PDB file of N, CA and C in Angstrom:
ATOM      1  N   MET A   1       0.900  -1.204  -0.040  1.00  0.00           N
ATOM      2  CA  MET A   1      -0.031   0.043  -0.144  1.00  0.00           C
ATOM      3  C   MET A   1       0.745   1.319   0.016  1.00  0.00           C
ATOM      4  N   ASN A   2       0.579   2.247  -0.831  1.00  0.00           N
ATOM      5  CA  ASN A   2       1.140   3.423  -0.723  1.00  0.00           C
ATOM      6  C   ASN A   2       0.527   4.554  -0.042  1.00  0.00           C
ATOM      7  N   ILE A   3       1.165   5.691   0.091  1.00  0.00           N
ATOM      8  CA  ILE A   3       0.637   6.918   0.775  1.00  0.00           C
ATOM      9  C   ILE A   3      -0.738   7.143   0.190  1.00  0.00           C
ATOM     10  N   HIS A   4      -0.745   7.432  -0.993  1.00  0.00           N
ATOM     11  CA  HIS A   4      -1.983   7.669  -1.790  1.00  0.00           C
ATOM     12  C   HIS A   4      -3.176   6.847  -1.332  1.00  0.00           C
ATOM     13  N   GLU A   5      -2.937   5.557  -1.486  1.00  0.00           N
ATOM     14  CA  GLU A   5      -4.026   4.550  -1.182  1.00  0.00           C
ATOM     15  C   GLU A   5      -4.301   4.577   0.255  1.00  0.00           C
ATOM     16  N   ALA A   6      -3.387   4.735   1.185  1.00  0.00           N
ATOM     17  CA  ALA A   6      -3.793   4.892   2.778  1.00  0.00           C
ATOM     18  C   ALA A   6      -4.635   6.016   2.900  1.00  0.00           C
ATOM     19  N   ILE A   7      -4.441   7.274   2.266  1.00  0.00           N
ATOM     20  CA  ILE A   7      -5.373   8.394   2.450  1.00  0.00           C
ATOM     21  C   ILE A   7      -6.584   8.207   2.032  1.00  0.00           C
ATOM     22  N   MET A   8      -6.792   7.468   0.799  1.00  0.00           N
ATOM     23  CA  MET A   8      -8.093   7.211   0.275  1.00  0.00           C
ATOM     24  C   MET A   8      -8.855   6.140   1.328  1.00  0.00           C
ATOM     25  N   MET A   9      -8.154   5.217   1.899  1.00  0.00           N
ATOM     26  CA  MET A   9      -8.700   4.373   2.855  1.00  0.00           C
ATOM     27  C   MET A   9      -9.269   5.093   3.981  1.00  0.00           C
ATOM     28  N   LEU A  10      -8.273   6.062   4.447  1.00  0.00           N
ATOM     29  CA  LEU A  10      -8.733   6.867   5.621  1.00  0.00           C
ATOM     30  C   LEU A  10      -9.813   7.778   5.429  1.00  0.00           C
ATOM     31  N   GLU A  11      -9.869   8.345   4.387  1.00  0.00           N
ATOM     32  CA  GLU A  11     -10.801   9.282   3.713  1.00  0.00           C
ATOM     33  C   GLU A  11     -12.252   8.526   3.737  1.00  0.00           C
ATOM     34  N   ALA A  12     -12.165   7.351   3.416  1.00  0.00           N
ATOM     35  CA  ALA A  12     -13.316   6.706   3.349  1.00  0.00           C
ATOM     36  C   ALA A  12     -13.843   6.269   4.715  1.00  0.00           C
ATOM     37  N   ASP A  13     -12.996   5.623   5.767  1.00  0.00           N
ATOM     38  CA  ASP A  13     -13.367   5.584   6.956  1.00  0.00           C
ATOM     39  C   ASP A  13     -13.961   6.760   7.524  1.00  0.00           C
ATOM     40  N   LYS A  14     -13.474   7.919   7.293  1.00  0.00           N
ATOM     41  CA  LYS A  14     -13.866   9.046   7.949  1.00  0.00           C
ATOM     42  C   LYS A  14     -15.297   9.409   7.516  1.00  0.00           C
ATOM     43  N   LEU A  15     -15.483   9.241   6.253  1.00  0.00           N
ATOM     44  CA  LEU A  15     -16.835   9.520   5.648  1.00  0.00           C
ATOM     45  C   LEU A  15     -17.925   8.523   6.409  1.00  0.00           C
ATOM     46  N   ALA A  16     -17.496   7.235   6.531  1.00  0.00           N
ATOM     47  CA  ALA A  16     -18.336   6.215   7.062  1.00  0.00           C
ATOM     48  C   ALA A  16     -18.740   6.536   8.538  1.00  0.00           C
ATOM     49  N   ALA A  17     -17.690   7.124   9.190  1.00  0.00           N
ATOM     50  CA  ALA A  17     -17.721   7.710  10.565  1.00  0.00           C
ATOM     51  C   ALA A  17     -18.912   8.779  10.773  1.00  0.00           C
ATOM     52  N   TYR A  18     -18.918   9.740   9.656  1.00  0.00           N
ATOM     53  CA  TYR A  18     -19.723  10.647   9.773  1.00  0.00           C
ATOM     54  C   TYR A  18     -21.375  10.160   9.557  1.00  0.00           C
ATOM     55  N   PHE A  19     -21.489   9.101   8.967  1.00  0.00           N
ATOM     56  CA  PHE A  19     -22.809   8.654   8.773  1.00  0.00           C
ATOM     57  C   PHE A  19     -23.277   7.420   9.801  1.00  0.00           C
ATOM     58  N   ASP A  20     -22.277   7.185  10.648  1.00  0.00           N
ATOM     59  CA  ASP A  20     -22.477   6.351  11.800  1.00  0.00           C
ATOM     60  C   ASP A  20     -23.720   6.957  12.711  1.00  0.00           C
ATOM     61  N   THR A  21     -24.441   6.106  13.263  1.00  0.00           N
ATOM     62  CA  THR A  21     -25.700   6.553  14.017  1.00  0.00           C
ATOM     63  C   THR A  21     -25.050   7.214  15.357  1.00  0.00           C
ATOM     64  N   SER A  22     -23.954   6.668  15.754  1.00  0.00           N
ATOM     65  CA  SER A  22     -23.044   7.349  16.956  1.00  0.00           C
ATOM     66  C   SER A  22     -21.814   7.683  16.684  1.00  0.00           C
ATOM     67  N   PRO A  23     -21.593   8.561  15.919  1.00  0.00           N
ATOM     68  CA  PRO A  23     -20.186   9.012  15.425  1.00  0.00           C
ATOM     69  C   PRO A  23     -19.186   9.485  16.660  1.00  0.00           C
ATOM     70  N   HIS A  24     -18.117   8.955  16.454  1.00  0.00           N
ATOM     71  CA  HIS A  24     -17.106   9.230  17.612  1.00  0.00           C
ATOM     72  C   HIS A  24     -16.260  10.295  17.141  1.00  0.00           C
ATOM     73  N   GLU A  25     -16.528  11.472  17.737  1.00  0.00           N
ATOM     74  CA  GLU A  25     -15.761  12.720  17.351  1.00  0.00           C
ATOM     75  C   GLU A  25     -14.328  12.474  17.412  1.00  0.00           C
ATOM     76  N   SER A  26     -13.720  11.666  18.384  1.00  0.00           N
ATOM     77  CA  SER A  26     -12.298  11.657  18.549  1.00  0.00           C
ATOM     78  C   SER A  26     -11.607  10.554  17.269  1.00  0.00           C
ATOM     79  N   LEU A  27     -12.620   9.660  17.031  1.00  0.00           N
ATOM     80  CA  LEU A  27     -12.161   8.797  15.894  1.00  0.00           C
ATOM     81  C   LEU A  27     -12.148   9.821  14.608  1.00  0.00           C
ATOM     82  N   ILE A  28     -12.953  10.715  14.325  1.00  0.00           N
ATOM     83  CA  ILE A  28     -12.966  11.383  13.232  1.00  0.00           C
ATOM     84  C   ILE A  28     -11.853  12.563  13.394  1.00  0.00           C
ATOM     85  N   ASN A  29     -11.484  12.856  14.597  1.00  0.00           N
ATOM     86  CA  ASN A  29     -10.294  13.743  14.565  1.00  0.00           C
ATOM     87  C   ASN A  29      -9.068  13.141  14.418  1.00  0.00           C
ATOM     88  N   ALA A  30      -8.855  11.870  14.839  1.00  0.00           N
ATOM     89  CA  ALA A  30      -7.678  11.102  14.705  1.00  0.00           C
ATOM     90  C   ALA A  30      -7.595  10.746  13.127  1.00  0.00           C
ATOM     91  N   LEU A  31      -8.836  10.490  12.493  1.00  0.00           N
ATOM     92  CA  LEU A  31      -8.547  10.268  10.950  1.00  0.00           C
ATOM     93  C   LEU A  31      -8.108  11.549  10.260  1.00  0.00           C
ATOM     94  N   ASP A  32      -8.704  12.621  10.679  1.00  0.00           N
ATOM     95  CA  ASP A  32      -8.184  13.995  10.125  1.00  0.00           C
ATOM     96  C   ASP A  32      -6.700  14.225  10.295  1.00  0.00           C
ATOM     97  N   MET A  33      -6.276  13.921  11.538  1.00  0.00           N
ATOM     98  CA  MET A  33      -4.947  14.112  11.728  1.00  0.00           C
ATOM     99  C   MET A  33      -3.940  13.059  10.771  1.00  0.00           C
ATOM    100  N   ALA A  34      -4.399  11.896  10.919  1.00  0.00           N
ATOM    101  CA  ALA A  34      -3.606  10.927  10.046  1.00  0.00           C
ATOM    102  C   ALA A  34      -3.729  11.187   8.493  1.00  0.00           C
ATOM    103  N   ILE A  35      -4.735  11.713   8.002  1.00  0.00           N
ATOM    104  CA  ILE A  35      -4.746  12.181   6.632  1.00  0.00           C
ATOM    105  C   ILE A  35      -3.888  13.278   6.335  1.00  0.00           C
ATOM    106  N   GLU A  36      -3.845  14.313   7.213  1.00  0.00           N
ATOM    107  CA  GLU A  36      -3.019  15.531   7.072  1.00  0.00           C
ATOM    108  C   GLU A  36      -1.468  15.055   7.334  1.00  0.00           C
ATOM    109  N   THR A  37      -1.185  14.170   8.032  1.00  0.00           N
ATOM    110  CA  THR A  37       0.199  13.840   8.325  1.00  0.00           C
ATOM    111  C   THR A  37       0.569  13.094   6.882  1.00  0.00           C
ATOM    112  N   LEU A  38      -0.027  12.209   6.645  1.00  0.00           N
ATOM    113  CA  LEU A  38       0.245  11.358   5.266  1.00  0.00           C
ATOM    114  C   LEU A  38       0.442  12.224   4.195  1.00  0.00           C
ATOM    115  N   LYS A  39      -0.594  13.202   3.905  1.00  0.00           N
ATOM    116  CA  LYS A  39      -0.385  14.253   2.832  1.00  0.00           C
ATOM    117  C   LYS A  39       0.700  14.958   2.912  1.00  0.00           C
ATOM    118  N   LYS A  40       1.374  15.392   4.134  1.00  0.00           N
ATOM    119  CA  LYS A  40       2.506  15.981   4.203  1.00  0.00           C
ATOM    120  C   LYS A  40       3.961  15.217   3.818  1.00  0.00           C
ATOM    121  N   GLN A  41       3.652  14.007   3.839  1.00  0.00           N
ATOM    122  CA  GLN A  41       4.861  13.167   3.599  1.00  0.00           C
ATOM    123  C   GLN A  41       4.959  12.917   2.067  1.00  0.00           C
ATOM    124  N   GLN A  42       3.961  13.293   1.198  1.00  0.00           N
ATOM    125  CA  GLN A  42       3.989  13.362  -0.312  1.00  0.00           C
ATOM    126  C   GLN A  42       4.787  14.507  -0.537  1.00  0.00           C
ATOM    127  N   PRO A  43       5.920  14.536  -1.260  1.00  0.00           N
ATOM    128  CA  PRO A  43       6.773  15.873  -1.583  1.00  0.00           C
ATOM    129  C   PRO A  43       6.088  16.713  -2.660  1.00  0.00           C
ATOM    130  N   GLU A  44       6.085  17.874  -2.337  1.00  0.00           N
ATOM    131  CA  GLU A  44       5.181  18.831  -3.124  1.00  0.00           C
ATOM    132  C   GLU A  44       6.460  19.931  -3.473  1.00  0.00           C
ATOM    133  N   LYS A  45       6.449  20.406  -4.813  1.00  0.00           N
ATOM    134  CA  LYS A  45       7.178  21.372  -5.371  1.00  0.00           C
ATOM    135  C   LYS A  45       7.079  22.825  -4.545  1.00  0.00           C
ATOM    136  N   PRO A  46       8.098  23.349  -4.098  1.00  0.00           N
ATOM    137  CA  PRO A  46       8.019  24.740  -3.622  1.00  0.00           C
ATOM    138  C   PRO A  46       7.510  25.685  -4.749  1.00  0.00           C
ATOM    139  N   VAL A  47       6.862  26.748  -4.203  1.00  0.00           N
ATOM    140  CA  VAL A  47       6.282  27.765  -5.127  1.00  0.00           C
ATOM    141  C   VAL A  47       7.424  28.753  -5.380  1.00  0.00           C
ATOM    142  N   LYS A  48       7.799  29.038  -6.629  1.00  0.00           N
ATOM    143  CA  LYS A  48       8.645  29.975  -6.982  1.00  0.00           C
ATOM    144  C   LYS A  48       8.137  31.453  -6.889  1.00  0.00           C
ATOM    145  N   CYS A  49       8.685  32.295  -5.833  1.00  0.00           N
ATOM    146  CA  CYS A  49       8.306  33.642  -5.609  1.00  0.00           C
ATOM    147  C   CYS A  49       8.975  34.672  -6.513  1.00  0.00           C
ATOM    148  N   SER A  50      10.328  34.448  -6.896  1.00  0.00           N
ATOM    149  CA  SER A  50      11.375  35.263  -7.590  1.00  0.00           C
ATOM    150  C   SER A  50      12.387  34.206  -7.892  1.00  0.00           C
ATOM    151  N   GLN A  51      13.340  34.942  -8.440  1.00  0.00           N
ATOM    152  CA  GLN A  51      14.591  34.004  -8.886  1.00  0.00           C
ATOM    153  C   GLN A  51      15.242  33.308  -7.835  1.00  0.00           C
ATOM    154  N   VAL A  52      15.271  33.723  -6.640  1.00  0.00           N
ATOM    155  CA  VAL A  52      15.814  33.181  -5.640  1.00  0.00           C
ATOM    156  C   VAL A  52      15.033  32.667  -4.398  1.00  0.00           C
ATOM    157  N   ILE A  53      13.870  33.203  -4.408  1.00  0.00           N
ATOM    158  CA  ILE A  53      12.912  33.027  -3.261  1.00  0.00           C
ATOM    159  C   ILE A  53      11.912  31.852  -3.650  1.00  0.00           C
ATOM    160  N   PHE A  54      11.605  30.995  -2.564  1.00  0.00           N
ATOM    161  CA  PHE A  54      10.437  29.956  -2.978  1.00  0.00           C
ATOM    162  C   PHE A  54       9.803  29.856  -1.600  1.00  0.00           C
ATOM    163  N   SER A  55       8.448  29.384  -1.818  1.00  0.00           N
ATOM    164  CA  SER A  55       7.551  29.194  -0.467  1.00  0.00           C
ATOM    165  C   SER A  55       7.170  27.800  -0.656  1.00  0.00           C
ATOM    166  N   CYS A  56       6.824  27.469   0.859  1.00  0.00           N
ATOM    167  CA  CYS A  56       6.217  26.191   1.026  1.00  0.00           C
ATOM    168  C   CYS A  56       4.991  26.156   0.390  1.00  0.00           C
ATOM    169  N   PRO A  57       4.647  24.872  -0.396  1.00  0.00           N
ATOM    170  CA  PRO A  57       3.125  25.070  -1.012  1.00  0.00           C
ATOM    171  C   PRO A  57       2.110  24.841   0.176  1.00  0.00           C
ATOM    172  N   ASN A  58       2.254  24.423   1.360  1.00  0.00           N
ATOM    173  CA  ASN A  58       1.422  24.250   2.346  1.00  0.00           C
ATOM    174  C   ASN A  58       1.191  25.386   3.349  1.00  0.00           C
ATOM    175  N   CYS A  59       2.401  26.010   3.829  1.00  0.00           N
ATOM    176  CA  CYS A  59       2.100  27.115   4.760  1.00  0.00           C
ATOM    177  C   CYS A  59       2.791  28.331   4.450  1.00  0.00           C
ATOM    178  N   GLU A  60       3.317  28.477   3.054  1.00  0.00           N
ATOM    179  CA  GLU A  60       4.016  29.707   2.563  1.00  0.00           C
ATOM    180  C   GLU A  60       5.214  30.214   3.109  1.00  0.00           C
ATOM    181  N   LYS A  61       5.907  29.423   4.029  1.00  0.00           N
ATOM    182  CA  LYS A  61       7.029  29.793   4.542  1.00  0.00           C
ATOM    183  C   LYS A  61       8.134  29.977   3.607  1.00  0.00           C
ATOM    184  N   LEU A  62       8.802  31.119   3.639  1.00  0.00           N
ATOM    185  CA  LEU A  62       9.817  31.558   2.531  1.00  0.00           C
ATOM    186  C   LEU A  62      11.238  30.894   2.897  1.00  0.00           C
ATOM    187  N   TYR A  63      11.759  30.321   1.573  1.00  0.00           N
ATOM    188  CA  TYR A  63      13.269  29.852   1.534  1.00  0.00           C
ATOM    189  C   TYR A  63      13.796  30.545   0.509  1.00  0.00           C
ATOM    190  N   ASN A  64      15.305  30.610   0.604  1.00  0.00           N
ATOM    191  CA  ASN A  64      16.188  31.312  -0.164  1.00  0.00           C
ATOM    192  C   ASN A  64      16.589  30.524  -1.580  1.00  0.00           C
ATOM    193  N   GLY A  65      16.292  29.449  -1.520  1.00  0.00           N
ATOM    194  CA  GLY A  65      16.662  28.495  -2.905  1.00  0.00           C
ATOM    195  C   GLY A  65      18.079  28.195  -2.650  1.00  0.00           C
ATOM    196  N   VAL A  66      18.941  28.477  -1.588  1.00  0.00           N
ATOM    197  CA  VAL A  66      20.307  28.220  -1.381  1.00  0.00           C
ATOM    198  C   VAL A  66      20.388  27.012  -0.724  1.00  0.00           C
ATOM    199  N   LEU A  67      19.778  27.060   0.554  1.00  0.00           N
ATOM    200  CA  LEU A  67      19.576  25.673   1.280  1.00  0.00           C
ATOM    201  C   LEU A  67      18.138  25.078   1.119  1.00  0.00           C
ATOM    202  N   ASN A  68      18.143  23.874   0.443  1.00  0.00           N
ATOM    203  CA  ASN A  68      16.996  23.454   0.156  1.00  0.00           C
ATOM    204  C   ASN A  68      16.704  22.256   1.055  1.00  0.00           C
ATOM    205  N   PRO A  69      15.879  22.510   2.181  1.00  0.00           N
ATOM    206  CA  PRO A  69      15.448  21.447   3.032  1.00  0.00           C
ATOM    207  C   PRO A  69      14.606  20.424   2.536  1.00  0.00           C
ATOM    208  N   ARG A  70      14.613  19.247   3.170  1.00  0.00           N
ATOM    209  CA  ARG A  70      13.640  18.144   2.470  1.00  0.00           C
ATOM    210  C   ARG A  70      12.281  18.251   3.030  1.00  0.00           C
ATOM    211  N   PHE A  71      12.155  19.018   4.432  1.00  0.00           N
ATOM    212  CA  PHE A  71      10.874  19.149   4.892  1.00  0.00           C
ATOM    213  C   PHE A  71      10.831  20.687   5.335  1.00  0.00           C
ATOM    214  N   CYS A  72       9.635  21.136   5.276  1.00  0.00           N
ATOM    215  CA  CYS A  72       9.549  22.470   5.601  1.00  0.00           C
ATOM    216  C   CYS A  72       9.805  22.601   7.140  1.00  0.00           C
ATOM    217  N   SER A  73      10.348  23.606   7.607  1.00  0.00           N
ATOM    218  CA  SER A  73      10.595  23.614   9.256  1.00  0.00           C
ATOM    219  C   SER A  73       9.548  24.158   9.902  1.00  0.00           C
ATOM    220  N   GLU A  74       8.621  24.777   9.092  1.00  0.00           N
ATOM    221  CA  GLU A  74       7.216  25.374   9.860  1.00  0.00           C
ATOM    222  C   GLU A  74       6.083  24.326   9.891  1.00  0.00           C
ATOM    223  N   CYS A  75       5.836  23.719   8.869  1.00  0.00           N
ATOM    224  CA  CYS A  75       4.724  22.715   9.036  1.00  0.00           C
ATOM    225  C   CYS A  75       5.031  21.227   8.623  1.00  0.00           C
ATOM    226  N   GLY A  76       6.423  20.802   8.331  1.00  0.00           N
ATOM    227  CA  GLY A  76       6.653  19.508   7.992  1.00  0.00           C
ATOM    228  C   GLY A  76       6.268  19.022   6.695  1.00  0.00           C
ATOM    229  N   GLN A  77       5.988  19.754   5.777  1.00  0.00           N
ATOM    230  CA  GLN A  77       5.627  19.427   4.468  1.00  0.00           C
ATOM    231  C   GLN A  77       6.915  18.882   3.746  1.00  0.00           C
ATOM    232  N   ALA A  78       6.886  17.602   3.152  1.00  0.00           N
ATOM    233  CA  ALA A  78       8.012  17.125   2.268  1.00  0.00           C
ATOM    234  C   ALA A  78       8.025  18.105   1.115  1.00  0.00           C
ATOM    235  N   LEU A  79       9.459  18.430   0.810  1.00  0.00           N
ATOM    236  CA  LEU A  79       9.700  19.403  -0.425  1.00  0.00           C
ATOM    237  C   LEU A  79      10.311  18.766  -1.318  1.00  0.00           C
ATOM    238  N   ASP A  80       9.821  18.859  -2.716  1.00  0.00           N
ATOM    239  CA  ASP A  80      10.509  18.357  -3.940  1.00  0.00           C
ATOM    240  C   ASP A  80      11.286  19.287  -4.769  1.00  0.00           C
ATOM    241  N   TRP A  81      12.575  19.616  -4.452  1.00  0.00           N
ATOM    242  CA  TRP A  81      13.423  20.856  -5.167  1.00  0.00           C
ATOM    243  C   TRP A  81      13.679  20.452  -6.606  1.00  0.00           C
ATOM    244  N   GLY A  82      13.473  19.308  -7.031  1.00  0.00           N
ATOM    245  CA  GLY A  82      13.661  19.203  -8.367  1.00  0.00           C
ATOM    246  C   GLY A  82      12.929  20.081  -9.305  1.00  0.00           C
ATOM    247  N   ILE A  83      13.151  21.313  -9.373  1.00  0.00           N
ATOM    248  CA  ILE A  83      12.345  22.339  -9.999  1.00  0.00           C
ATOM    249  C   ILE A  83      12.832  22.415 -11.589  1.00  0.00           C
TER     250      ILE A  83
END
């Protein structure tokens, strides 16, 4: 199973929990957290703001394009610098 498949399964479980006659709010919150965490593990390309300035596609934290971290230090989003 890959990350995308896991996200799809968790989202289906979350939807089922909404239609449960006795929804468990803590379960729905846990599924939301798991989905958000898995989505951040999928690398996304930083947004180019100028020739040397890039931002995180998730939280918009700015980076100078010289030191290219694998993960955003603000939100934990995996970054793909293969621009």
